Amino acid sequence: MAEHQKRYYAFAEFLNEQGFDVYIYDHRGHGTDKKFSDLGLFAPSKGYQLVIDDALTVSEYIDANRRGGKFFLLGHSMGSFIARNIIQNYDKYNGVILSGTSFPPRRVLSGGLMVASIIKKFKGYRHISPFMNNLMFGGSKYTKLSDRTAFDWLSRSHAAVGAYIHDPYCGYICTASFYQDLLKLIANAGKRSLMQQTKKELPMYIISGEKDPVGNYGKDIKRLIALYKKLGFTNIAFKLYPECRHELLNEINNEEVYSDIFAWLQKRL
């Protein structure tokens, strides 16, 4: 959310060096090739389904054109919610890595969806919504980490946070329609009946920082893993990184994170 694929090139190059092909793309309403006026919008309606369909299209392309070997999906933050939606209906991955995901209470999501729909109805789907942005990211879970900037919750790395802040294609406030779509993605990712459509033996690696406010400082991650196990999932691995914040791939110990992801992948080759 509110970033672009180029921020992942360093990790992609690391995987290349280990012998992996890496495919990466920008979601709708994201990317350095977009007009600034088009950032932060999926679609006028049902954008959440469109970004899922986009990811499925990309996945089908990769599956048809890859050079063999196994096929893994990695989703970070908003991407993790899209990934969790995809695996409910697509079973060609040999493993899925979820970074910086969450599992908020349904009542919180219902309230957010109601507010977003009201704003969208009265102000239009293109309305840039500081209110919704603050509702989702302005709470004490986020602000208590703001030692230097409003984006300190992303990482302890001053360089990474600084680069994010000074990148015009990052950190922008999104549209009312986008926030509605995001909340819908999160809600469907954590809906039991839909989660049960994912194959129970799918290898999954869930990683998060113990000081990531998106994952409620690890509490939501533990709740999510407990639910997966209760639903009969048999191949769940996870790691919570002490002191780490939201963007593990941009944390000050990112070499450890890189190594852990590679080790998990290696076991499944």
Protein backbone atom coordinates (compact mmCIF):
# COMPACT_ATOMS: atom_id res chain seq x y z
CA MET A 1 0.00 0.00 0.00
CA ALA A 2 1.23 3.49 -0.95
CA GLU A 3 4.59 2.27 -2.26
CA HIS A 4 5.98 0.53 -5.35
CA GLN A 5 7.91 -2.47 -6.61
CA LYS A 6 11.30 -0.74 -6.79
CA ARG A 7 11.50 -0.81 -2.99
CA TYR A 8 11.81 -4.61 -3.24
CA TYR A 9 14.61 -4.79 -5.82
CA ALA A 10 17.34 -5.40 -3.23
CA PHE A 11 15.51 -8.45 -1.86
CA ALA A 12 14.75 -9.67 -5.39
CA GLU A 13 18.45 -9.40 -6.27
CA PHE A 14 19.34 -11.37 -3.13
CA LEU A 15 17.02 -14.17 -4.24
CA ASN A 16 18.47 -14.00 -7.77
CA GLU A 17 21.91 -14.59 -6.27
CA GLN A 18 20.53 -17.72 -4.59
CA GLY A 19 19.23 -19.03 -7.91
CA PHE A 20 15.62 -17.89 -7.80
CA ASP A 21 13.70 -16.14 -10.57
CA VAL A 22 11.64 -13.29 -9.10
CA TYR A 23 8.54 -11.74 -10.61
CA ILE A 24 7.25 -8.45 -9.19
CA TYR A 25 4.59 -5.94 -10.21
CA ASP A 26 2.72 -2.86 -8.98
CA HIS A 27 -0.88 -3.04 -7.85
CA ARG A 28 -3.53 -0.83 -9.42
CA GLY A 29 -3.19 2.78 -8.35
CA HIS A 30 0.47 2.24 -7.43
CA GLY A 31 3.81 2.55 -9.20
CA THR A 32 6.28 5.10 -10.50
CA ASP A 33 4.71 4.93 -13.97
CA LYS A 34 1.41 6.36 -12.70
CA LYS A 35 0.17 9.93 -12.71
CA PHE A 36 0.09 11.35 -9.20
CA SER A 37 -3.66 11.91 -9.63
CA ASP A 38 -4.16 8.18 -10.17
CA LEU A 39 -2.35 7.01 -7.04
CA GLY A 40 -4.33 5.43 -4.22
CA LEU A 41 -7.31 4.17 -6.21
CA PHE A 42 -8.10 0.64 -7.35
CA ALA A 43 -11.43 1.25 -9.08
CA PRO A 44 -14.78 3.04 -8.57
CA SER A 45 -16.29 -0.18 -7.22
CA LYS A 46 -15.20 -3.70 -6.25
CA GLY A 47 -11.55 -2.79 -6.54
CA TYR A 48 -10.71 -5.47 -3.98
CA GLN A 49 -11.82 -8.17 -6.41
CA LEU A 50 -9.91 -6.57 -9.28
CA VAL A 51 -6.58 -6.63 -7.42
CA ILE A 52 -7.19 -10.28 -6.54
CA ASP A 53 -7.94 -11.00 -10.21
CA ASP A 54 -4.78 -9.10 -11.21
CA ALA A 55 -2.66 -11.24 -8.91
CA LEU A 56 -4.27 -14.40 -10.29
CA THR A 57 -3.54 -13.21 -13.85
CA VAL A 58 0.11 -12.61 -12.97
CA SER A 59 0.29 -16.00 -11.23
CA GLU A 60 -1.16 -17.80 -14.24
CA TYR A 61 1.35 -16.03 -16.49
CA ILE A 62 4.27 -17.04 -14.26
CA ASP A 63 3.04 -20.63 -14.00
CA ALA A 64 2.80 -20.87 -17.79
CA ASN A 65 6.17 -19.23 -18.50
CA ARG A 66 8.48 -20.14 -15.62
CA ARG A 67 11.59 -22.21 -16.18
CA GLY A 68 10.50 -25.06 -13.95
CA GLY A 69 11.10 -25.56 -10.28
CA LYS A 70 8.71 -24.67 -7.50
CA PHE A 71 6.43 -21.66 -7.31
CA PHE A 72 6.22 -19.45 -4.21
CA LEU A 73 4.20 -16.34 -3.40
CA LEU A 74 5.31 -13.56 -1.07
CA GLY A 75 2.93 -10.84 0.07
CA HIS A 76 3.83 -7.99 2.40
CA SER A 77 1.31 -5.88 4.35
CA MET A 78 -1.57 -5.15 1.95
CA GLY A 79 0.02 -7.73 -0.31
CA SER A 80 -0.33 -10.30 2.46
CA PHE A 81 -4.10 -9.73 2.52
CA ILE A 82 -4.27 -10.09 -1.25
CA ALA A 83 -2.20 -13.28 -0.95
CA ARG A 84 -4.51 -14.69 1.72
CA ASN A 85 -7.47 -14.04 -0.57
CA ILE A 86 -5.75 -15.64 -3.57
CA ILE A 87 -4.93 -18.91 -1.83
CA GLN A 88 -8.60 -19.38 -1.06
CA ASN A 89 -9.17 -20.16 -4.76
CA TYR A 90 -5.78 -20.84 -6.34
CA ASP A 91 -3.75 -23.90 -5.42
CA LYS A 92 -0.68 -23.89 -7.69
CA TYR A 93 1.76 -22.40 -5.18
CA ASN A 94 4.26 -24.64 -3.43
CA GLY A 95 4.38 -22.23 -0.50
CA VAL A 96 3.30 -18.78 0.64
CA ILE A 97 5.19 -16.20 2.73
CA LEU A 98 3.14 -13.59 4.60
CA SER A 99 5.00 -10.57 5.93
CA GLY A 100 3.48 -7.84 8.08
CA THR A 101 -0.03 -9.25 8.03
CA SER A 102 -2.81 -8.80 10.58
CA PHE A 103 -6.01 -10.28 11.98
CA PRO A 104 -8.10 -7.46 13.51
CA PRO A 105 -11.42 -8.15 15.26
CA ARG A 106 -14.40 -8.36 12.91
CA ARG A 107 -16.26 -5.60 14.77
CA VAL A 108 -13.40 -3.19 14.03
CA LEU A 109 -13.49 -4.08 10.34
CA SER A 110 -17.28 -3.76 10.18
CA GLY A 111 -17.14 -0.29 11.71
CA GLY A 112 -14.38 0.80 9.32
CA LEU A 113 -16.25 -0.52 6.29
CA MET A 114 -19.38 1.35 7.33
CA VAL A 115 -17.50 4.64 7.73
CA ALA A 116 -15.65 4.19 4.42
CA SER A 117 -18.89 3.43 2.55
CA ILE A 118 -20.55 6.56 3.98
CA ILE A 119 -17.63 8.79 3.00
CA LYS A 120 -17.54 7.24 -0.47
CA LYS A 121 -21.28 7.70 -0.92
CA PHE A 122 -21.36 11.38 0.05
CA LYS A 123 -17.95 12.57 -1.18
CA GLY A 124 -17.35 10.27 -4.12
CA TYR A 125 -15.03 7.34 -4.77
CA ARG A 126 -12.09 9.59 -5.71
CA HIS A 127 -12.25 11.60 -2.49
CA ILE A 128 -8.81 11.67 -0.83
CA SER A 129 -9.63 10.74 2.75
CA PRO A 130 -7.30 11.93 5.53
CA PHE A 131 -10.04 10.91 7.95
CA MET A 132 -9.93 7.25 6.88
CA ASN A 133 -6.14 7.31 6.79
CA ASN A 134 -6.03 8.65 10.34
CA LEU A 135 -8.70 6.19 11.46
CA MET A 136 -6.55 3.29 10.29
CA PHE A 137 -3.02 4.55 10.95
CA GLY A 138 -3.33 7.40 13.43
CA GLY A 139 -3.93 5.43 16.62
CA SER A 140 -1.58 5.17 19.56
CA LYS A 141 -0.21 1.85 18.28
CA TYR A 142 1.38 3.84 15.47
CA THR A 143 2.07 7.23 17.03
CA LYS A 144 3.91 5.87 20.07
CA LEU A 145 6.69 4.74 17.71
CA SER A 146 7.01 8.21 16.16
CA ASP A 147 10.29 9.28 17.70
CA ARG A 148 11.38 11.25 14.62
CA THR A 149 8.68 11.07 11.95
CA ALA A 150 5.09 9.93 11.46
CA PHE A 151 6.40 6.91 9.55
CA ASP A 152 8.79 5.55 12.18
CA TRP A 153 6.45 2.59 12.65
CA LEU A 154 7.70 1.25 9.31
CA SER A 155 11.25 0.50 10.42
CA ARG A 156 14.01 1.33 12.90
CA SER A 157 16.21 2.16 9.90
CA HIS A 158 16.42 5.95 9.61
CA ALA A 159 17.65 5.59 6.03
CA ALA A 160 14.71 3.40 4.98
CA VAL A 161 12.15 5.71 6.59
CA GLY A 162 13.84 8.77 5.11
CA ALA A 163 13.83 7.27 1.62
CA TYR A 164 10.14 6.43 2.00
CA ILE A 165 9.23 9.95 3.13
CA HIS A 166 11.15 11.61 0.29
CA ASP A 167 9.74 9.31 -2.38
CA PRO A 168 6.70 11.00 -4.00
CA TYR A 169 5.33 7.57 -4.92
CA CYS A 170 5.19 6.49 -1.27
CA GLY A 171 3.21 7.49 1.78
CA TYR A 172 0.37 9.28 0.03
CA ILE A 173 -3.17 9.38 1.41
CA CYS A 174 -5.53 7.16 -0.55
CA THR A 175 -9.11 7.48 -1.74
CA ALA A 176 -12.27 6.58 0.16
CA SER A 177 -12.86 3.78 -2.35
CA PHE A 178 -9.37 2.39 -1.71
CA TYR A 179 -9.82 2.22 2.07
CA GLN A 180 -13.14 0.44 1.58
CA ASP A 181 -11.40 -2.07 -0.71
CA LEU A 182 -8.51 -2.55 1.72
CA LEU A 183 -10.86 -3.28 4.60
CA LYS A 184 -12.78 -5.71 2.42
CA LEU A 185 -9.55 -7.54 1.57
CA ILE A 186 -8.66 -7.76 5.26
CA ALA A 187 -12.15 -8.94 6.21
CA ASN A 188 -12.26 -11.68 3.58
CA ALA A 189 -8.71 -12.79 4.40
CA GLY A 190 -9.80 -13.52 7.98
CA LYS A 191 -13.24 -14.97 7.32
CA ARG A 192 -13.30 -18.55 8.55
CA SER A 193 -15.53 -19.96 5.82
CA LEU A 194 -13.21 -18.52 3.15
CA MET A 195 -10.02 -19.50 4.96
CA GLN A 196 -11.20 -23.10 4.95
CA GLN A 197 -11.13 -23.08 1.13
CA THR A 198 -7.32 -22.91 1.23
CA LYS A 199 -5.69 -26.33 1.04
CA LYS A 200 -4.74 -27.34 4.57
CA GLU A 201 -1.31 -28.73 3.66
CA LEU A 202 -0.10 -25.54 1.94
CA PRO A 203 3.28 -24.54 3.42
CA MET A 204 2.99 -21.08 4.94
CA TYR A 205 5.63 -18.89 6.58
CA ILE A 206 4.27 -15.98 8.60
CA ILE A 207 6.74 -13.31 9.71
CA SER A 208 6.18 -10.10 11.65
CA GLY A 209 7.90 -7.68 13.97
CA GLU A 210 7.06 -7.78 17.66
CA LYS A 211 6.69 -4.00 17.43
CA ASP A 212 4.68 -3.94 14.22
CA PRO A 213 1.47 -2.01 14.93
CA VAL A 214 -0.22 -3.58 11.88
CA GLY A 215 0.04 -6.98 13.59
CA ASN A 216 -0.88 -5.43 16.96
CA TYR A 217 2.63 -6.03 18.30
CA GLY A 218 2.43 -9.74 17.58
CA LYS A 219 -0.94 -10.34 19.25
CA ASP A 220 -2.89 -10.53 15.97
CA ILE A 221 -0.25 -12.81 14.47
CA LYS A 222 -0.58 -15.28 17.33
CA ARG A 223 -4.37 -15.18 17.02
CA LEU A 224 -4.16 -15.82 13.29
CA ILE A 225 -1.81 -18.77 13.67
CA ALA A 226 -3.99 -20.25 16.39
CA LEU A 227 -7.00 -20.02 14.08
CA TYR A 228 -5.14 -21.63 11.18
CA LYS A 229 -4.21 -24.52 13.45
CA LYS A 230 -7.76 -24.78 14.77
CA LEU A 231 -9.02 -25.00 11.19
CA GLY A 232 -6.68 -27.92 10.52
CA PHE A 233 -3.77 -26.31 8.69
CA THR A 234 -0.78 -28.59 9.07
CA ASN A 235 2.21 -26.74 7.63
CA ILE A 236 2.42 -23.34 9.35
CA ALA A 237 5.77 -21.84 10.37
CA PHE A 238 6.21 -18.38 11.86
CA LYS A 239 8.71 -16.02 13.39
CA LEU A 240 8.23 -12.84 15.41
CA TYR A 241 11.31 -10.61 15.37
CA PRO A 242 12.04 -8.81 18.66
CA GLU A 243 12.07 -4.99 18.43
CA CYS A 244 11.30 -5.08 14.68
CA ARG A 245 8.60 -2.95 13.15
CA HIS A 246 6.48 -3.29 10.00
CA GLU A 247 8.87 -3.52 7.06
CA LEU A 248 11.04 -6.50 7.93
CA LEU A 249 12.80 -6.40 4.56
CA ASN A 250 13.89 -2.83 5.37
CA GLU A 251 14.72 -3.35 9.05
CA ILE A 252 18.20 -2.85 10.48
CA ASN A 253 18.52 -6.65 10.78
CA ASN A 254 17.17 -7.31 7.29
CA GLU A 255 20.07 -9.67 6.51
CA GLU A 256 18.71 -11.99 9.21
CA VAL A 257 15.24 -11.76 7.65
CA TYR A 258 16.63 -12.44 4.16
CA SER A 259 18.49 -15.47 5.50
CA ASP A 260 15.43 -16.85 7.31
CA ILE A 261 13.24 -16.57 4.22
CA PHE A 262 15.91 -18.26 2.10
CA ALA A 263 16.25 -21.08 4.65
CA TRP A 264 12.48 -21.65 4.64
CA LEU A 265 12.44 -21.73 0.83
CA GLN A 266 15.42 -24.10 0.71
CA LYS A 267 13.60 -26.66 2.85
CA ARG A 268 10.80 -26.74 0.29
CA LEU A 269 12.86 -27.11 -2.88
